């Protein structure tokens, strides 16, 4: 079985909260510092499959890069959105927990408990 992974931004209160909830339950996930090590496009595709979401649903629409890159354009295809998330990882919603062949976005942080 794949290791439990948390795509984590230590500056994000939701991400820190999710990590704390996991640790309180004795779960020490592999912490993926996705801002420092942006997920590859194929890794993003795999995450989206586990989440059951289209790429647009993983975008943080309030980020400056979202507007600056014109990502609100409905004509942009999934590949363009995935490339943007890889090049600008701040655009990726967080935290994301992967556990037991499934994934969830930890917003609110308690959602990570759904996979345990």
N, C-alpha and C. Protein backbone atom coordinates (compact mmCIF):
# COMPACT_ATOMS: atom_id res chain seq x y z
N UNK A 1 0.84 -1.18 0.00
CA UNK A 1 0.00 0.00 0.00
C UNK A 1 0.88 1.24 0.00
N UNK A 2 0.42 2.27 -0.71
CA UNK A 2 1.16 3.53 -0.75
C UNK A 2 1.18 4.16 0.63
N UNK A 3 2.26 4.90 0.86
CA UNK A 3 2.38 5.62 2.12
C UNK A 3 1.32 6.72 2.19
N UNK A 4 0.90 7.02 3.40
CA UNK A 4 -0.01 8.14 3.61
C UNK A 4 0.79 9.41 3.37
N UNK A 5 0.27 10.27 2.46
CA UNK A 5 0.98 11.50 2.10
C UNK A 5 0.08 12.70 2.35
N UNK A 6 0.71 13.78 2.80
CA UNK A 6 0.00 15.04 2.97
C UNK A 6 0.73 16.11 2.17
N UNK A 7 0.04 16.63 1.15
CA UNK A 7 0.58 17.75 0.38
C UNK A 7 0.35 18.97 1.25
N UNK A 8 1.45 19.54 1.74
CA UNK A 8 1.41 20.45 2.88
C UNK A 8 2.11 21.77 2.60
N UNK A 9 1.48 22.84 3.10
CA UNK A 9 2.09 24.16 3.09
C UNK A 9 2.13 24.60 4.56
N UNK A 10 3.32 24.64 5.16
CA UNK A 10 3.40 24.96 6.59
C UNK A 10 2.92 26.37 6.93
N UNK A 11 2.77 27.24 5.95
CA UNK A 11 2.28 28.60 6.22
C UNK A 11 0.75 28.68 6.21
N UNK A 12 0.10 27.58 5.83
CA UNK A 12 -1.36 27.54 5.73
C UNK A 12 -1.95 26.95 7.01
N UNK A 13 -2.86 27.69 7.63
CA UNK A 13 -3.46 27.21 8.88
C UNK A 13 -4.26 25.92 8.67
N UNK A 14 -4.93 25.79 7.53
CA UNK A 14 -5.71 24.57 7.26
C UNK A 14 -4.78 23.37 7.12
N UNK A 15 -3.66 23.58 6.47
CA UNK A 15 -2.68 22.52 6.28
C UNK A 15 -2.06 22.11 7.62
N UNK A 16 -1.70 23.09 8.42
CA UNK A 16 -1.14 22.79 9.74
C UNK A 16 -2.18 22.07 10.60
N UNK A 17 -3.44 22.50 10.51
CA UNK A 17 -4.50 21.85 11.28
C UNK A 17 -4.70 20.40 10.88
N UNK A 18 -4.65 20.12 9.59
CA UNK A 18 -4.81 18.75 9.11
C UNK A 18 -3.66 17.87 9.62
N UNK A 19 -2.45 18.39 9.55
CA UNK A 19 -1.29 17.62 10.03
C UNK A 19 -1.41 17.35 11.52
N UNK A 20 -1.85 18.33 12.27
CA UNK A 20 -2.02 18.15 13.71
C UNK A 20 -3.07 17.08 14.01
N UNK A 21 -4.20 17.10 13.29
CA UNK A 21 -5.24 16.09 13.49
C UNK A 21 -4.71 14.68 13.23
N UNK A 22 -3.93 14.55 12.18
CA UNK A 22 -3.35 13.24 11.86
C UNK A 22 -2.41 12.78 12.97
N UNK A 23 -1.53 13.66 13.38
CA UNK A 23 -0.55 13.31 14.41
C UNK A 23 -1.22 12.98 15.74
N UNK A 24 -2.31 13.69 16.06
CA UNK A 24 -3.06 13.38 17.29
C UNK A 24 -3.58 11.95 17.28
N UNK A 25 -3.77 11.41 16.10
CA UNK A 25 -4.28 10.05 15.95
C UNK A 25 -3.17 9.04 15.68
N UNK A 26 -1.93 9.46 15.88
CA UNK A 26 -0.79 8.57 15.73
C UNK A 26 -0.40 8.30 14.29
N UNK A 27 -0.85 9.14 13.38
CA UNK A 27 -0.52 8.97 11.96
C UNK A 27 0.52 10.01 11.58
N UNK A 28 1.66 9.54 11.13
CA UNK A 28 2.74 10.42 10.68
C UNK A 28 2.85 10.26 9.16
N UNK A 29 2.19 11.15 8.43
CA UNK A 29 2.22 11.03 6.97
C UNK A 29 3.57 11.46 6.40
N UNK A 30 3.82 11.03 5.19
CA UNK A 30 4.94 11.58 4.43
C UNK A 30 4.49 12.98 4.05
N UNK A 31 5.22 13.98 4.52
CA UNK A 31 4.84 15.36 4.24
C UNK A 31 5.50 15.78 2.92
N UNK A 32 4.66 16.18 1.99
CA UNK A 32 5.14 16.62 0.67
C UNK A 32 5.09 18.14 0.64
N UNK A 33 6.26 18.79 0.68
CA UNK A 33 6.30 20.25 0.63
C UNK A 33 6.11 20.71 -0.82
N UNK A 34 4.86 20.72 -1.26
CA UNK A 34 4.58 20.88 -2.68
C UNK A 34 4.99 22.24 -3.25
N UNK A 35 5.16 23.25 -2.41
CA UNK A 35 5.63 24.54 -2.93
C UNK A 35 7.11 24.47 -3.31
N UNK A 36 7.87 23.66 -2.58
CA UNK A 36 9.29 23.48 -2.85
C UNK A 36 9.53 22.40 -3.91
N UNK A 37 8.68 21.41 -3.94
CA UNK A 37 8.78 20.29 -4.88
C UNK A 37 7.45 20.16 -5.61
N UNK A 38 7.20 21.02 -6.60
CA UNK A 38 5.90 20.99 -7.28
C UNK A 38 5.60 19.62 -7.88
N UNK A 39 4.37 19.16 -7.70
CA UNK A 39 4.00 17.88 -8.30
C UNK A 39 4.12 17.95 -9.83
N UNK A 40 4.61 16.85 -10.40
CA UNK A 40 4.68 16.74 -11.86
C UNK A 40 3.25 16.68 -12.41
N UNK A 41 3.11 16.94 -13.67
CA UNK A 41 1.78 16.92 -14.29
C UNK A 41 1.15 15.54 -14.14
N UNK A 42 1.92 14.46 -14.33
CA UNK A 42 1.35 13.12 -14.18
C UNK A 42 0.95 12.85 -12.73
N UNK A 43 1.67 13.41 -11.78
CA UNK A 43 1.32 13.27 -10.37
C UNK A 43 0.02 14.02 -10.07
N UNK A 44 -0.14 15.21 -10.66
CA UNK A 44 -1.38 15.96 -10.50
C UNK A 44 -2.56 15.20 -11.09
N UNK A 45 -2.34 14.58 -12.25
CA UNK A 45 -3.41 13.77 -12.86
C UNK A 45 -3.83 12.64 -11.92
N UNK A 46 -2.84 11.97 -11.33
CA UNK A 46 -3.12 10.86 -10.41
C UNK A 46 -3.88 11.37 -9.17
N UNK A 47 -3.48 12.51 -8.64
CA UNK A 47 -4.19 13.08 -7.49
C UNK A 47 -5.64 13.39 -7.84
N UNK A 48 -5.83 13.96 -9.01
CA UNK A 48 -7.19 14.30 -9.44
C UNK A 48 -8.05 13.06 -9.62
N UNK A 49 -7.46 11.98 -10.12
CA UNK A 49 -8.21 10.71 -10.22
C UNK A 49 -8.65 10.24 -8.84
N UNK A 50 -7.71 10.29 -7.87
CA UNK A 50 -8.04 9.86 -6.51
C UNK A 50 -9.09 10.77 -5.87
N UNK A 51 -9.02 12.05 -6.18
CA UNK A 51 -9.99 13.01 -5.65
C UNK A 51 -11.34 12.95 -6.36
N UNK A 52 -11.33 12.44 -7.60
CA UNK A 52 -12.54 12.41 -8.39
C UNK A 52 -12.96 13.81 -8.84
N UNK A 53 -11.96 14.64 -9.12
CA UNK A 53 -12.22 16.03 -9.49
C UNK A 53 -11.58 16.38 -10.82
N UNK A 54 -12.14 17.37 -11.52
CA UNK A 54 -11.46 17.90 -12.71
C UNK A 54 -10.39 18.90 -12.26
N UNK A 55 -9.41 19.20 -13.11
CA UNK A 55 -8.34 20.12 -12.74
C UNK A 55 -8.83 21.46 -12.22
N UNK A 56 -9.84 22.01 -12.84
CA UNK A 56 -10.32 23.35 -12.43
C UNK A 56 -10.74 23.36 -10.95
N UNK A 57 -11.23 22.25 -10.43
CA UNK A 57 -11.68 22.18 -9.04
C UNK A 57 -10.53 22.21 -8.04
N UNK A 58 -9.31 22.01 -8.50
CA UNK A 58 -8.15 22.01 -7.62
C UNK A 58 -7.45 23.37 -7.60
N UNK A 59 -7.93 24.31 -8.38
CA UNK A 59 -7.31 25.63 -8.47
C UNK A 59 -7.77 26.54 -7.34
N UNK A 60 -6.83 27.28 -6.81
CA UNK A 60 -7.12 28.33 -5.82
C UNK A 60 -7.40 29.61 -6.59
N UNK A 61 -8.65 29.92 -6.76
CA UNK A 61 -9.04 31.04 -7.62
C UNK A 61 -8.73 32.41 -7.02
N UNK A 62 -8.44 32.47 -5.74
CA UNK A 62 -8.11 33.74 -5.10
C UNK A 62 -6.65 34.14 -5.20
N UNK A 63 -5.81 33.25 -5.73
CA UNK A 63 -4.38 33.55 -5.86
C UNK A 63 -4.15 34.56 -6.98
N UNK A 64 -3.17 35.43 -6.78
CA UNK A 64 -2.83 36.42 -7.80
C UNK A 64 -2.49 35.77 -9.14
N UNK A 65 -1.76 34.65 -9.08
CA UNK A 65 -1.36 33.95 -10.31
C UNK A 65 -2.58 33.51 -11.12
N UNK A 66 -3.66 33.18 -10.44
CA UNK A 66 -4.87 32.72 -11.14
C UNK A 66 -5.36 33.81 -12.10
N UNK A 67 -5.46 35.01 -11.60
CA UNK A 67 -5.91 36.13 -12.44
C UNK A 67 -4.83 36.52 -13.45
N UNK A 68 -3.59 36.60 -12.99
CA UNK A 68 -2.50 37.04 -13.86
C UNK A 68 -2.32 36.11 -15.06
N UNK A 69 -2.56 34.82 -14.86
CA UNK A 69 -2.39 33.84 -15.93
C UNK A 69 -3.66 33.64 -16.76
N UNK A 70 -4.72 34.33 -16.39
CA UNK A 70 -5.97 34.21 -17.13
C UNK A 70 -6.61 32.84 -17.02
N UNK A 71 -6.46 32.20 -15.87
CA UNK A 71 -6.96 30.83 -15.71
C UNK A 71 -8.48 30.75 -15.57
N UNK A 72 -9.13 31.89 -15.50
CA UNK A 72 -10.59 31.87 -15.46
C UNK A 72 -11.20 31.70 -16.85
N UNK A 73 -10.35 31.63 -17.87
CA UNK A 73 -10.80 31.45 -19.25
C UNK A 73 -11.35 30.03 -19.43
N UNK A 74 -12.66 29.88 -19.67
CA UNK A 74 -13.24 28.55 -19.81
C UNK A 74 -12.72 27.78 -21.03
N UNK A 75 -12.06 28.47 -21.95
CA UNK A 75 -11.52 27.80 -23.13
C UNK A 75 -10.24 27.03 -22.83
N UNK A 76 -9.62 27.28 -21.67
CA UNK A 76 -8.39 26.56 -21.33
C UNK A 76 -8.72 25.10 -21.07
N UNK A 77 -7.93 24.21 -21.67
CA UNK A 77 -8.17 22.78 -21.46
C UNK A 77 -7.46 22.28 -20.21
N UNK A 78 -7.73 21.04 -19.86
CA UNK A 78 -7.16 20.45 -18.65
C UNK A 78 -5.64 20.48 -18.67
N UNK A 79 -5.03 20.23 -19.82
CA UNK A 79 -3.57 20.21 -19.90
C UNK A 79 -2.98 21.58 -19.56
N UNK A 80 -3.62 22.65 -20.01
CA UNK A 80 -3.15 23.99 -19.70
C UNK A 80 -3.25 24.26 -18.20
N UNK A 81 -4.34 23.81 -17.60
CA UNK A 81 -4.52 24.01 -16.16
C UNK A 81 -3.51 23.20 -15.36
N UNK A 82 -3.26 21.97 -15.77
CA UNK A 82 -2.27 21.13 -15.09
C UNK A 82 -0.87 21.74 -15.21
N UNK A 83 -0.54 22.23 -16.39
CA UNK A 83 0.77 22.87 -16.60
C UNK A 83 0.91 24.10 -15.71
N UNK A 84 -0.17 24.87 -15.57
CA UNK A 84 -0.13 26.05 -14.71
C UNK A 84 0.07 25.68 -13.25
N UNK A 85 -0.60 24.61 -12.80
CA UNK A 85 -0.44 24.18 -11.40
C UNK A 85 0.97 23.67 -11.14
N UNK A 86 1.55 22.99 -12.12
CA UNK A 86 2.92 22.52 -11.95
C UNK A 86 3.89 23.70 -11.88
N UNK A 87 3.72 24.67 -12.78
CA UNK A 87 4.62 25.82 -12.84
C UNK A 87 4.39 26.79 -11.68
N UNK A 88 3.18 26.83 -11.15
CA UNK A 88 2.81 27.76 -10.08
C UNK A 88 2.07 26.98 -8.99
N UNK A 89 2.81 26.21 -8.17
CA UNK A 89 2.15 25.32 -7.21
C UNK A 89 1.28 26.03 -6.16
N UNK A 90 1.45 27.34 -6.00
CA UNK A 90 0.56 28.06 -5.07
C UNK A 90 -0.89 27.98 -5.52
N UNK A 91 -1.11 27.68 -6.78
CA UNK A 91 -2.46 27.56 -7.32
C UNK A 91 -3.19 26.31 -6.86
N UNK A 92 -2.45 25.35 -6.30
CA UNK A 92 -3.03 24.06 -5.91
C UNK A 92 -3.71 24.18 -4.55
N UNK A 93 -4.96 23.75 -4.50
CA UNK A 93 -5.71 23.74 -3.24
C UNK A 93 -4.99 22.84 -2.24
N UNK A 94 -5.09 23.18 -0.97
CA UNK A 94 -4.37 22.44 0.06
C UNK A 94 -5.18 22.42 1.34
N UNK A 95 -4.80 21.52 2.21
CA UNK A 95 -3.91 20.37 2.05
C UNK A 95 -4.63 19.23 1.33
N UNK A 96 -3.85 18.33 0.79
CA UNK A 96 -4.42 17.12 0.16
C UNK A 96 -3.83 15.93 0.90
N UNK A 97 -4.71 15.07 1.40
CA UNK A 97 -4.28 13.84 2.05
C UNK A 97 -4.55 12.68 1.11
N UNK A 98 -3.54 11.82 0.93
CA UNK A 98 -3.67 10.59 0.17
C UNK A 98 -3.47 9.44 1.15
N UNK A 99 -4.47 8.54 1.20
CA UNK A 99 -4.42 7.43 2.16
C UNK A 99 -5.31 6.30 1.65
N UNK A 100 -4.78 5.11 1.65
CA UNK A 100 -5.58 3.94 1.30
C UNK A 100 -6.16 3.98 -0.11
N UNK A 101 -5.42 4.53 -1.05
CA UNK A 101 -5.89 4.57 -2.43
C UNK A 101 -6.96 5.62 -2.70
N UNK A 102 -7.14 6.53 -1.77
CA UNK A 102 -8.10 7.61 -1.93
C UNK A 102 -7.43 8.92 -1.55
N UNK A 103 -8.08 10.03 -1.85
CA UNK A 103 -7.55 11.34 -1.49
C UNK A 103 -8.70 12.27 -1.13
N UNK A 104 -8.36 13.30 -0.36
CA UNK A 104 -9.34 14.31 0.03
C UNK A 104 -8.61 15.63 0.23
N UNK A 105 -9.31 16.72 -0.09
CA UNK A 105 -8.80 18.06 0.21
C UNK A 105 -9.23 18.38 1.63
N UNK A 106 -8.30 18.75 2.46
CA UNK A 106 -8.57 19.01 3.88
C UNK A 106 -9.10 20.40 4.16
N UNK A 107 -10.21 20.72 3.57
CA UNK A 107 -10.91 22.00 3.83
C UNK A 107 -12.36 21.68 4.14
N UNK A 108 -12.74 21.76 5.36
CA UNK A 108 -11.96 22.09 6.55
C UNK A 108 -11.00 20.95 6.89
N UNK A 109 -10.03 21.22 7.78
CA UNK A 109 -9.02 20.20 8.09
C UNK A 109 -9.59 18.86 8.53
N UNK A 110 -10.74 18.88 9.18
CA UNK A 110 -11.37 17.64 9.66
C UNK A 110 -11.72 16.67 8.54
N UNK A 111 -11.78 17.16 7.33
CA UNK A 111 -12.09 16.27 6.20
C UNK A 111 -11.06 15.17 6.03
N UNK A 112 -9.81 15.41 6.48
CA UNK A 112 -8.79 14.36 6.35
C UNK A 112 -9.18 13.12 7.15
N UNK A 113 -9.98 13.31 8.18
CA UNK A 113 -10.41 12.17 9.00
C UNK A 113 -11.34 11.24 8.25
N UNK A 114 -11.96 11.73 7.17
CA UNK A 114 -12.86 10.89 6.36
C UNK A 114 -12.14 9.70 5.75
N UNK A 115 -10.82 9.81 5.56
CA UNK A 115 -10.09 8.72 4.93
C UNK A 115 -9.54 7.71 5.93
N UNK A 116 -9.65 8.00 7.21
CA UNK A 116 -9.04 7.11 8.21
C UNK A 116 -10.01 6.03 8.66
